[in-house]
Amino acid sequence: MSKASSAVRENEKSKLFIKWVDANGESFTEQTETHDISETGISFYLKNPVWVDTHLTIKISSSNLFGHLHTITAKVVRVHVDYSGEQIVAARFDE
């Protein structure tokens, strides 16, 4: 079993500020909150479309794992539209 699949995920609702640049060079920023988080990755909902392998800069506020304010980079590993039509994004931390 890989480290990513064995990491304990916590369901917490930390506020997130996500920044990324799409394949056309257009910059996006969006505020959201965590769906779940672990030491190796995070999942959250986004309104703007994002592609697998997109590099993100994520500011996490008030996380049990990362403290009061933490900035980290991550790469999108999965995008799924749920039954309600919302896009959930899973990303693996680069660090």
Protein backbone atom coordinates (compact mmCIF):
# COMPACT_ATOMS: atom_id res chain seq x y z
CA MET A 1 0.00 0.00 0.00
CA SER A 2 1.38 3.44 -0.89
CA LYS A 3 1.88 6.22 1.62
CA ALA A 4 -0.85 8.35 0.00
CA SER A 5 -3.49 5.64 0.26
CA SER A 6 -2.61 4.85 3.88
CA ALA A 7 -2.62 8.46 5.13
CA VAL A 8 -5.36 9.20 7.65
CA ARG A 9 -7.87 11.63 6.22
CA GLU A 10 -9.62 14.08 8.51
CA ASN A 11 -12.96 15.61 7.66
CA GLU A 12 -12.35 19.23 8.59
CA LYS A 13 -13.75 22.45 7.21
CA SER A 14 -10.68 24.69 6.96
CA LYS A 15 -11.00 27.76 4.77
CA LEU A 16 -8.92 27.55 1.58
CA PHE A 17 -7.67 30.09 -0.94
CA ILE A 18 -6.68 28.29 -4.16
CA LYS A 19 -4.59 29.81 -7.00
CA TRP A 20 -3.72 28.20 -10.34
CA VAL A 21 -2.98 28.93 -14.00
CA ASP A 22 -4.77 26.96 -16.73
CA ALA A 23 -3.29 25.57 -19.97
CA ASN A 24 -4.07 28.88 -21.75
CA GLY A 25 -2.14 30.92 -19.17
CA GLU A 26 -5.27 32.31 -17.51
CA SER A 27 -4.99 32.78 -13.74
CA PHE A 28 -7.73 31.68 -11.36
CA THR A 29 -8.29 32.19 -7.65
CA GLU A 30 -11.11 30.74 -5.63
CA GLN A 31 -12.11 30.55 -1.99
CA THR A 32 -13.51 27.26 -0.74
CA GLU A 33 -13.10 24.87 2.20
CA THR A 34 -11.64 21.44 2.71
CA HIS A 35 -13.73 18.34 2.16
CA ASP A 36 -11.01 16.24 3.79
CA ILE A 37 -7.29 16.52 4.39
CA SER A 38 -4.29 14.35 5.30
CA GLU A 39 -0.54 14.86 5.61
CA THR A 40 -0.14 13.95 1.92
CA GLY A 41 -3.20 15.45 0.22
CA ILE A 42 -6.46 17.34 0.28
CA SER A 43 -9.86 17.38 -1.38
CA PHE A 44 -12.19 20.34 -1.85
CA TYR A 45 -14.93 21.68 -4.13
CA LEU A 46 -14.20 24.20 -6.91
CA LYS A 47 -16.62 26.16 -9.09
CA ASN A 48 -14.09 26.85 -11.88
CA PRO A 49 -12.98 23.90 -14.02
CA VAL A 50 -9.52 22.50 -13.36
CA TRP A 51 -7.59 19.69 -15.06
CA VAL A 52 -5.68 16.73 -13.66
CA ASP A 53 -1.94 17.57 -13.30
CA THR A 54 -2.68 21.29 -12.70
CA HIS A 55 -0.30 22.81 -10.14
CA LEU A 56 -2.03 24.68 -7.31
CA THR A 57 -0.96 27.06 -4.56
CA ILE A 58 -3.18 26.50 -1.52
CA LYS A 59 -3.48 28.72 1.56
CA ILE A 60 -5.01 26.71 4.40
CA SER A 61 -6.38 28.53 7.45
CA SER A 62 -7.08 26.99 10.84
CA SER A 63 -6.21 23.38 10.05
CA ASN A 64 -5.74 20.78 12.79
CA LEU A 65 -2.86 19.29 10.76
CA PHE A 66 -1.13 22.44 9.49
CA GLY A 67 -1.91 25.10 12.09
CA HIS A 68 -3.39 28.58 11.86
CA LEU A 69 -2.16 29.62 8.39
CA HIS A 70 -0.17 27.45 5.98
CA THR A 71 0.69 27.85 2.28
CA ILE A 72 1.51 24.70 0.31
CA THR A 73 1.75 23.63 -3.33
CA ALA A 74 -0.06 20.61 -4.72
CA LYS A 75 -0.89 18.82 -7.96
CA VAL A 76 -4.43 17.83 -8.99
CA VAL A 77 -4.67 14.02 -9.14
CA ARG A 78 -8.43 13.56 -9.57
CA VAL A 79 -11.48 15.63 -10.56
CA HIS A 80 -15.01 14.29 -10.11
CA VAL A 81 -18.45 15.83 -10.56
CA ASP A 82 -20.71 14.50 -7.80
CA TYR A 83 -24.42 13.65 -7.93
CA SER A 84 -25.40 17.28 -7.22
CA GLY A 85 -23.26 18.61 -10.10
CA GLU A 86 -20.48 19.98 -7.87
CA GLN A 87 -16.85 19.45 -8.89
CA ILE A 88 -14.70 17.85 -6.20
CA VAL A 89 -10.92 18.06 -6.63
CA ALA A 90 -8.31 15.80 -5.02
CA ALA A 91 -4.72 17.07 -4.91
CA ARG A 92 -1.44 15.62 -3.63
CA PHE A 93 0.89 17.94 -1.74
CA ASP A 94 4.31 18.54 -3.36
CA GLU A 95 6.14 18.68 -0.01
